[in-house]
Amino acid sequence: MAAVMRAGAAMWRDDDPTPRYAIYRLIHKGLRGFMADTLLRVGRMDVNDDCERAETIEQLRGLLGMCTTHLEHENAFVHPAIEKMQAGRQPRTAHDHVAHVVAIRTLGHQLAQFESASPERRALLAQELYLDLSNFVAENFEHMVLEETENHAALVRNYTDAELHGIEQSIRASLTPQDTGTAMRWMLPHVNAGERAAMLTGMKHGAPAEVFNRVLALAGEVLSQRDFYKLQQALA
């Protein structure tokens, strides 16, 4: 299976040695980290520990919220850019998004049922939630690969890096402070050192000082000591 997956990704490799801007890459790494961590947390949750149960519910609710926001932004900004260059033909991922909306609503309903369940029903509902969340995460992992290969190829074939940055800036401008904070909390520990340094260097030179300092403080909270040291050296 791994060999097939590598071959699949390699099919979309651009022979041009100049790397192109990948609009999906960083946010998808954050989403993968958020999804994986939340799935594992639901799986190991002690349903009779009130504090642990409440924290897990809060995290899963936050994940569903971020998934909804991310989906809406792709629908509003990224898919129209692809459709514009494909004579109005929607990318394949647009059809996935319709199913994702239903899945997010279903998981939200299951979460509410679990939250209000009697003690004797918690274990059963938690297991059902875990299995359905597993399916959701698995499907989203495949979906994000399609976006980072097929959709990415369509974008870089038709737009300059400056234009792709413009699309991303439009998305950022539509985010609430809470949306931005959640995205940064999960991107920072799940991108690599070079990506993290480039992201924070850009903020250091382009964002208000208070915004940069807030993100740097968050990095100090969520990164390992080794990773934070690397970031500090890169920003020096």
C-alpha atoms as a PDB file:
ATOM      1  CA  MET A   1       0.000   0.000   0.000  1.00  0.00           C
ATOM      2  CA  ALA A   2       2.771   2.462   0.873  1.00  0.00           C
ATOM      3  CA  ALA A   3       4.414   1.955  -2.537  1.00  0.00           C
ATOM      4  CA  VAL A   4       1.112   2.681  -4.266  1.00  0.00           C
ATOM      5  CA  MET A   5       0.641   5.831  -2.215  1.00  0.00           C
ATOM      6  CA  ARG A   6       4.132   7.110  -3.050  1.00  0.00           C
ATOM      7  CA  ALA A   7       3.624   6.409  -6.737  1.00  0.00           C
ATOM      8  CA  GLY A   8       0.295   8.196  -6.611  1.00  0.00           C
ATOM      9  CA  ALA A   9       1.787  11.366  -5.192  1.00  0.00           C
ATOM     10  CA  ALA A  10       4.748  11.208  -7.566  1.00  0.00           C
ATOM     11  CA  MET A  11       2.409  11.259 -10.561  1.00  0.00           C
ATOM     12  CA  TRP A  12       1.690  14.922  -9.794  1.00  0.00           C
ATOM     13  CA  ARG A  13       5.301  15.972  -9.332  1.00  0.00           C
ATOM     14  CA  ASP A  14       6.298  19.009 -11.388  1.00  0.00           C
ATOM     15  CA  ASP A  15       9.642  18.580 -13.141  1.00  0.00           C
ATOM     16  CA  ASP A  16      10.281  22.314 -12.805  1.00  0.00           C
ATOM     17  CA  PRO A  17      13.004  22.582 -10.101  1.00  0.00           C
ATOM     18  CA  THR A  18      11.522  25.856  -8.830  1.00  0.00           C
ATOM     19  CA  PRO A  19       9.178  24.987  -5.951  1.00  0.00           C
ATOM     20  CA  ARG A  20       5.691  26.440  -6.250  1.00  0.00           C
ATOM     21  CA  TYR A  21       3.609  27.826  -3.445  1.00  0.00           C
ATOM     22  CA  ALA A  22       1.448  25.083  -1.894  1.00  0.00           C
ATOM     23  CA  ILE A  23      -1.663  26.766  -0.541  1.00  0.00           C
ATOM     24  CA  TYR A  24      -2.960  23.621   1.170  1.00  0.00           C
ATOM     25  CA  ARG A  25       0.200  22.332   2.817  1.00  0.00           C
ATOM     26  CA  LEU A  26       0.467  24.075   6.182  1.00  0.00           C
ATOM     27  CA  ILE A  27      -3.202  24.182   7.114  1.00  0.00           C
ATOM     28  CA  HIS A  28      -3.579  20.527   6.141  1.00  0.00           C
ATOM     29  CA  LYS A  29      -0.681  19.556   8.399  1.00  0.00           C
ATOM     30  CA  GLY A  30      -2.458  21.355  11.213  1.00  0.00           C
ATOM     31  CA  LEU A  31      -5.739  19.630  10.427  1.00  0.00           C
ATOM     32  CA  ARG A  32      -4.107  16.209  10.279  1.00  0.00           C
ATOM     33  CA  GLY A  33      -2.527  16.821  13.668  1.00  0.00           C
ATOM     34  CA  PHE A  34      -5.816  18.049  15.165  1.00  0.00           C
ATOM     35  CA  MET A  35      -7.758  15.098  13.722  1.00  0.00           C
ATOM     36  CA  ALA A  36      -5.253  12.461  14.797  1.00  0.00           C
ATOM     37  CA  ASP A  37      -4.850  13.853  18.306  1.00  0.00           C
ATOM     38  CA  THR A  38      -8.608  14.147  18.797  1.00  0.00           C
ATOM     39  CA  LEU A  39      -9.295  10.649  17.494  1.00  0.00           C
ATOM     40  CA  LEU A  40      -6.714   9.166  19.860  1.00  0.00           C
ATOM     41  CA  ARG A  41      -8.102  11.211  22.722  1.00  0.00           C
ATOM     42  CA  VAL A  42     -11.647   9.987  22.128  1.00  0.00           C
ATOM     43  CA  GLY A  43     -10.356   6.408  21.955  1.00  0.00           C
ATOM     44  CA  ARG A  44      -8.547   6.535  25.288  1.00  0.00           C
ATOM     45  CA  MET A  45     -11.105   8.691  27.132  1.00  0.00           C
ATOM     46  CA  ASP A  46     -12.241   7.520  30.560  1.00  0.00           C
ATOM     47  CA  VAL A  47     -15.951   8.198  30.175  1.00  0.00           C
ATOM     48  CA  ASN A  48     -16.440   8.226  33.966  1.00  0.00           C
ATOM     49  CA  ASP A  49     -13.825  10.929  34.583  1.00  0.00           C
ATOM     50  CA  ASP A  50     -15.805  14.187  34.464  1.00  0.00           C
ATOM     51  CA  CYS A  51     -12.798  16.391  33.730  1.00  0.00           C
ATOM     52  CA  GLU A  52     -11.373  14.115  31.035  1.00  0.00           C
ATOM     53  CA  ARG A  53     -14.775  13.697  29.434  1.00  0.00           C
ATOM     54  CA  ALA A  54     -15.401  17.465  29.351  1.00  0.00           C
ATOM     55  CA  GLU A  55     -11.966  18.209  27.879  1.00  0.00           C
ATOM     56  CA  THR A  56     -12.426  15.570  25.168  1.00  0.00           C
ATOM     57  CA  ILE A  57     -15.873  16.895  24.268  1.00  0.00           C
ATOM     58  CA  GLU A  58     -14.479  20.430  24.032  1.00  0.00           C
ATOM     59  CA  GLN A  59     -11.623  19.323  21.773  1.00  0.00           C
ATOM     60  CA  LEU A  60     -13.858  17.339  19.442  1.00  0.00           C
ATOM     61  CA  ARG A  61     -16.317  20.225  19.231  1.00  0.00           C
ATOM     62  CA  GLY A  62     -13.388  22.501  18.369  1.00  0.00           C
ATOM     63  CA  LEU A  63     -12.231  20.109  15.648  1.00  0.00           C
ATOM     64  CA  LEU A  64     -15.673  19.982  14.059  1.00  0.00           C
ATOM     65  CA  GLY A  65     -15.782  23.769  14.130  1.00  0.00           C
ATOM     66  CA  MET A  66     -12.403  24.089  12.443  1.00  0.00           C
ATOM     67  CA  CYS A  67     -13.370  21.510   9.814  1.00  0.00           C
ATOM     68  CA  THR A  68     -16.523  23.484   9.051  1.00  0.00           C
ATOM     69  CA  THR A  69     -14.655  26.777   8.743  1.00  0.00           C
ATOM     70  CA  HIS A  70     -11.944  25.237   6.578  1.00  0.00           C
ATOM     71  CA  LEU A  71     -14.499  23.649   4.268  1.00  0.00           C
ATOM     72  CA  GLU A  72     -16.408  26.930   3.915  1.00  0.00           C
ATOM     73  CA  HIS A  73     -13.247  28.841   3.045  1.00  0.00           C
ATOM     74  CA  GLU A  74     -12.231  26.337   0.389  1.00  0.00           C
ATOM     75  CA  ASN A  75     -15.727  26.533  -1.089  1.00  0.00           C
ATOM     76  CA  ALA A  76     -15.663  30.327  -1.091  1.00  0.00           C
ATOM     77  CA  PHE A  77     -12.102  31.026  -2.257  1.00  0.00           C
ATOM     78  CA  VAL A  78     -10.211  28.004  -3.595  1.00  0.00           C
ATOM     79  CA  HIS A  79     -12.803  26.044  -5.551  1.00  0.00           C
ATOM     80  CA  PRO A  80     -14.013  29.117  -7.499  1.00  0.00           C
ATOM     81  CA  ALA A  81     -10.418  29.788  -8.562  1.00  0.00           C
ATOM     82  CA  ILE A  82     -10.140  26.239  -9.905  1.00  0.00           C
ATOM     83  CA  GLU A  83     -13.559  26.337 -11.577  1.00  0.00           C
ATOM     84  CA  LYS A  84     -12.694  29.614 -13.284  1.00  0.00           C
ATOM     85  CA  MET A  85      -9.838  27.936 -15.147  1.00  0.00           C
ATOM     86  CA  GLN A  86     -11.769  24.742 -15.881  1.00  0.00           C
ATOM     87  CA  ALA A  87     -14.732  26.241 -17.753  1.00  0.00           C
ATOM     88  CA  GLY A  88     -16.911  26.091 -14.649  1.00  0.00           C
ATOM     89  CA  ARG A  89     -16.211  22.416 -13.965  1.00  0.00           C
ATOM     90  CA  GLN A  90     -16.029  21.756 -10.239  1.00  0.00           C
ATOM     91  CA  PRO A  91     -13.016  19.961  -8.760  1.00  0.00           C
ATOM     92  CA  ARG A  92     -13.727  16.442  -7.547  1.00  0.00           C
ATOM     93  CA  THR A  93     -13.226  17.588  -3.979  1.00  0.00           C
ATOM     94  CA  ALA A  94     -16.312  19.816  -4.209  1.00  0.00           C
ATOM     95  CA  HIS A  95     -18.505  16.707  -4.137  1.00  0.00           C
ATOM     96  CA  ASP A  96     -16.645  15.445  -1.070  1.00  0.00           C
ATOM     97  CA  HIS A  97     -17.458  18.683   0.744  1.00  0.00           C
ATOM     98  CA  VAL A  98     -21.185  18.031   0.459  1.00  0.00           C
ATOM     99  CA  ALA A  99     -20.715  14.713   2.268  1.00  0.00           C
ATOM    100  CA  HIS A 100     -18.405  16.345   4.818  1.00  0.00           C
ATOM    101  CA  VAL A 101     -21.113  18.826   5.826  1.00  0.00           C
ATOM    102  CA  VAL A 102     -23.459  15.921   6.568  1.00  0.00           C
ATOM    103  CA  ALA A 103     -20.752  14.005   8.434  1.00  0.00           C
ATOM    104  CA  ILE A 104     -19.857  17.011  10.598  1.00  0.00           C
ATOM    105  CA  ARG A 105     -23.503  17.562  11.517  1.00  0.00           C
ATOM    106  CA  THR A 106     -23.936  13.869  12.316  1.00  0.00           C
ATOM    107  CA  LEU A 107     -20.850  13.805  14.533  1.00  0.00           C
ATOM    108  CA  GLY A 108     -22.036  16.965  16.262  1.00  0.00           C
ATOM    109  CA  HIS A 109     -25.361  15.296  17.000  1.00  0.00           C
ATOM    110  CA  GLN A 110     -23.624  12.177  18.330  1.00  0.00           C
ATOM    111  CA  LEU A 111     -21.377  14.336  20.491  1.00  0.00           C
ATOM    112  CA  ALA A 112     -24.386  16.115  21.996  1.00  0.00           C
ATOM    113  CA  GLN A 113     -26.018  12.742  22.732  1.00  0.00           C
ATOM    114  CA  PHE A 114     -22.872  11.503  24.424  1.00  0.00           C
ATOM    115  CA  GLU A 115     -22.509  14.707  26.431  1.00  0.00           C
ATOM    116  CA  SER A 116     -26.010  14.385  27.884  1.00  0.00           C
ATOM    117  CA  ALA A 117     -26.045  10.571  28.226  1.00  0.00           C
ATOM    118  CA  SER A 118     -26.640   8.770  31.470  1.00  0.00           C
ATOM    119  CA  PRO A 119     -23.552   7.117  33.013  1.00  0.00           C
ATOM    120  CA  GLU A 120     -24.646   3.629  31.939  1.00  0.00           C
ATOM    121  CA  ARG A 121     -24.868   4.652  28.248  1.00  0.00           C
ATOM    122  CA  ARG A 122     -21.610   6.625  28.007  1.00  0.00           C
ATOM    123  CA  ALA A 123     -19.308   3.733  27.092  1.00  0.00           C
ATOM    124  CA  LEU A 124     -21.524   2.531  24.247  1.00  0.00           C
ATOM    125  CA  LEU A 125     -22.028   6.009  22.783  1.00  0.00           C
ATOM    126  CA  ALA A 126     -18.321   6.814  23.144  1.00  0.00           C
ATOM    127  CA  GLN A 127     -17.366   3.700  21.155  1.00  0.00           C
ATOM    128  CA  GLU A 128     -19.847   4.539  18.399  1.00  0.00           C
ATOM    129  CA  LEU A 129     -18.534   8.106  18.295  1.00  0.00           C
ATOM    130  CA  TYR A 130     -14.957   6.824  18.125  1.00  0.00           C
ATOM    131  CA  LEU A 131     -15.700   4.521  15.183  1.00  0.00           C
ATOM    132  CA  ASP A 132     -17.611   7.155  13.219  1.00  0.00           C
ATOM    133  CA  LEU A 133     -14.921   9.738  13.911  1.00  0.00           C
ATOM    134  CA  SER A 134     -12.361   7.182  12.654  1.00  0.00           C
ATOM    135  CA  ASN A 135     -14.236   6.962   9.355  1.00  0.00           C
ATOM    136  CA  PHE A 136     -14.429  10.749   9.111  1.00  0.00           C
ATOM    137  CA  VAL A 137     -10.710  11.171   9.751  1.00  0.00           C
ATOM    138  CA  ALA A 138      -9.767   8.412   7.292  1.00  0.00           C
ATOM    139  CA  GLU A 139     -11.900   9.928   4.530  1.00  0.00           C
ATOM    140  CA  ASN A 140     -10.517  13.399   5.195  1.00  0.00           C
ATOM    141  CA  PHE A 141      -6.938  12.146   5.020  1.00  0.00           C
ATOM    142  CA  GLU A 142      -7.625  10.770   1.534  1.00  0.00           C
ATOM    143  CA  HIS A 143      -9.497  13.937   0.592  1.00  0.00           C
ATOM    144  CA  MET A 144      -6.615  16.194   1.615  1.00  0.00           C
ATOM    145  CA  VAL A 145      -4.165  14.179  -0.486  1.00  0.00           C
ATOM    146  CA  LEU A 146      -6.407  14.728  -3.507  1.00  0.00           C
ATOM    147  CA  GLU A 147      -6.415  18.456  -2.803  1.00  0.00           C
ATOM    148  CA  GLU A 148      -2.639  18.565  -2.401  1.00  0.00           C
ATOM    149  CA  THR A 149      -2.065  16.727  -5.680  1.00  0.00           C
ATOM    150  CA  GLU A 150      -4.859  17.208  -8.207  1.00  0.00           C
ATOM    151  CA  ASN A 151      -6.151  20.559  -6.967  1.00  0.00           C
ATOM    152  CA  HIS A 152      -2.649  21.887  -6.347  1.00  0.00           C
ATOM    153  CA  ALA A 153      -1.641  20.976  -9.897  1.00  0.00           C
ATOM    154  CA  ALA A 154      -4.646  22.862 -11.282  1.00  0.00           C
ATOM    155  CA  LEU A 155      -3.817  25.922  -9.194  1.00  0.00           C
ATOM    156  CA  VAL A 156      -0.122  26.192 -10.029  1.00  0.00           C
ATOM    157  CA  ARG A 157      -0.837  25.513 -13.701  1.00  0.00           C
ATOM    158  CA  ASN A 158      -3.117  28.543 -13.898  1.00  0.00           C
ATOM    159  CA  TYR A 159      -1.963  30.992 -11.227  1.00  0.00           C
ATOM    160  CA  THR A 160       1.280  32.649 -10.194  1.00  0.00           C
ATOM    161  CA  ASP A 161       2.575  32.276  -6.649  1.00  0.00           C
ATOM    162  CA  ALA A 162       1.621  35.910  -6.017  1.00  0.00           C
ATOM    163  CA  GLU A 163      -1.960  35.149  -7.056  1.00  0.00           C
ATOM    164  CA  LEU A 164      -2.047  32.080  -4.804  1.00  0.00           C
ATOM    165  CA  HIS A 165      -0.789  34.207  -1.922  1.00  0.00           C
ATOM    166  CA  GLY A 166      -3.611  36.598  -2.722  1.00  0.00           C
ATOM    167  CA  ILE A 167      -6.183  33.811  -2.403  1.00  0.00           C
ATOM    168  CA  GLU A 168      -4.670  32.815   0.921  1.00  0.00           C
ATOM    169  CA  GLN A 169      -4.701  36.411   2.147  1.00  0.00           C
ATOM    170  CA  SER A 170      -8.420  36.598   1.335  1.00  0.00           C
ATOM    171  CA  ILE A 171      -8.976  33.509   3.463  1.00  0.00           C
ATOM    172  CA  ARG A 172      -6.944  34.933   6.345  1.00  0.00           C
ATOM    173  CA  ALA A 173      -8.851  38.205   6.209  1.00  0.00           C
ATOM    174  CA  SER A 174     -12.114  36.309   6.672  1.00  0.00           C
ATOM    175  CA  LEU A 175     -10.918  34.492   9.811  1.00  0.00           C
ATOM    176  CA  THR A 176     -12.003  35.492  13.283  1.00  0.00           C
ATOM    177  CA  PRO A 177      -9.282  35.853  15.955  1.00  0.00           C
ATOM    178  CA  GLN A 178     -10.524  32.577  17.446  1.00  0.00           C
ATOM    179  CA  ASP A 179     -10.265  30.826  14.064  1.00  0.00           C
ATOM    180  CA  THR A 180      -6.703  32.085  13.655  1.00  0.00           C
ATOM    181  CA  GLY A 181      -5.712  31.048  17.166  1.00  0.00           C
ATOM    182  CA  THR A 182      -7.049  27.522  16.705  1.00  0.00           C
ATOM    183  CA  ALA A 183      -5.344  27.125  13.338  1.00  0.00           C
ATOM    184  CA  MET A 184      -1.990  28.350  14.688  1.00  0.00           C
ATOM    185  CA  ARG A 185      -2.232  26.131  17.782  1.00  0.00           C
ATOM    186  CA  TRP A 186      -2.396  23.033  15.567  1.00  0.00           C
ATOM    187  CA  MET A 187      -0.167  24.161  12.689  1.00  0.00           C
ATOM    188  CA  LEU A 188       2.815  25.235  14.777  1.00  0.00           C
ATOM    189  CA  PRO A 189       3.662  21.803  16.256  1.00  0.00           C
ATOM    190  CA  HIS A 190       2.814  19.837  13.112  1.00  0.00           C
ATOM    191  CA  VAL A 191       4.734  21.643  10.374  1.00  0.00           C
ATOM    192  CA  ASN A 192       8.460  21.072   9.994  1.00  0.00           C
ATOM    193  CA  ALA A 193      11.184  23.390  11.278  1.00  0.00           C
ATOM    194  CA  GLY A 194      11.762  25.100   7.926  1.00  0.00           C
ATOM    195  CA  GLU A 195       8.055  25.711   7.323  1.00  0.00           C
ATOM    196  CA  ARG A 196       7.635  27.001  10.866  1.00  0.00           C
ATOM    197  CA  ALA A 197      10.574  29.385  10.535  1.00  0.00           C
ATOM    198  CA  ALA A 198       9.316  30.731   7.196  1.00  0.00           C
ATOM    199  CA  MET A 199       5.823  31.260   8.610  1.00  0.00           C
ATOM    200  CA  LEU A 200       7.038  33.146  11.682  1.00  0.00           C
ATOM    201  CA  THR A 201       9.648  35.128   9.736  1.00  0.00           C
ATOM    202  CA  GLY A 202       6.904  36.338   7.410  1.00  0.00           C
ATOM    203  CA  MET A 203       4.804  37.354  10.412  1.00  0.00           C
ATOM    204  CA  LYS A 204       7.750  39.100  12.046  1.00  0.00           C
ATOM    205  CA  HIS A 205       8.190  41.351   9.014  1.00  0.00           C
ATOM    206  CA  GLY A 206       4.577  41.663   7.860  1.00  0.00           C
ATOM    207  CA  ALA A 207       2.274  41.472  10.883  1.00  0.00           C
ATOM    208  CA  PRO A 208       1.755  43.911  13.774  1.00  0.00           C
ATOM    209  CA  ALA A 209       4.243  43.332  16.591  1.00  0.00           C
ATOM    210  CA  GLU A 210       1.529  42.306  19.044  1.00  0.00           C
ATOM    211  CA  VAL A 211       0.267  39.638  16.648  1.00  0.00           C
ATOM    212  CA  PHE A 212       3.759  38.238  16.076  1.00  0.00           C
ATOM    213  CA  ASN A 213       4.526  38.242  19.814  1.00  0.00           C
ATOM    214  CA  ARG A 214       1.254  36.448  20.567  1.00  0.00           C
ATOM    215  CA  VAL A 215       2.023  33.711  18.031  1.00  0.00           C
ATOM    216  CA  LEU A 216       5.595  33.389  19.289  1.00  0.00           C
ATOM    217  CA  ALA A 217       4.298  32.966  22.836  1.00  0.00           C
ATOM    218  CA  LEU A 218       1.897  30.290  21.598  1.00  0.00           C
ATOM    219  CA  ALA A 219       4.808  28.542  19.883  1.00  0.00           C
ATOM    220  CA  GLY A 220       6.595  28.469  23.238  1.00  0.00           C
ATOM    221  CA  GLU A 221       3.574  26.694  24.721  1.00  0.00           C
ATOM    222  CA  VAL A 222       2.931  24.065  22.054  1.00  0.00           C
ATOM    223  CA  LEU A 223       6.424  23.247  20.753  1.00  0.00           C
ATOM    224  CA  SER A 224       9.006  20.968  22.288  1.00  0.00           C
ATOM    225  CA  GLN A 225      12.020  22.706  23.805  1.00  0.00           C
ATOM    226  CA  ARG A 226      14.162  21.552  20.858  1.00  0.00           C
ATOM    227  CA  ASP A 227      11.736  22.830  18.224  1.00  0.00           C
ATOM    228  CA  PHE A 228      11.280  26.165  19.978  1.00  0.00           C
ATOM    229  CA  TYR A 229      15.052  26.616  20.186  1.00  0.00           C
ATOM    230  CA  LYS A 230      15.333  26.000  16.434  1.00  0.00           C
ATOM    231  CA  LEU A 231      12.627  28.598  15.830  1.00  0.00           C
ATOM    232  CA  GLN A 232      14.338  31.158  18.027  1.00  0.00           C
ATOM    233  CA  GLN A 233      17.626  30.612  16.174  1.00  0.00           C
ATOM    234  CA  ALA A 234      15.911  31.053  12.815  1.00  0.00           C
ATOM    235  CA  LEU A 235      14.246  34.281  13.950  1.00  0.00           C
ATOM    236  CA  ALA A 236      17.413  35.782  15.500  1.00  0.00           C
END
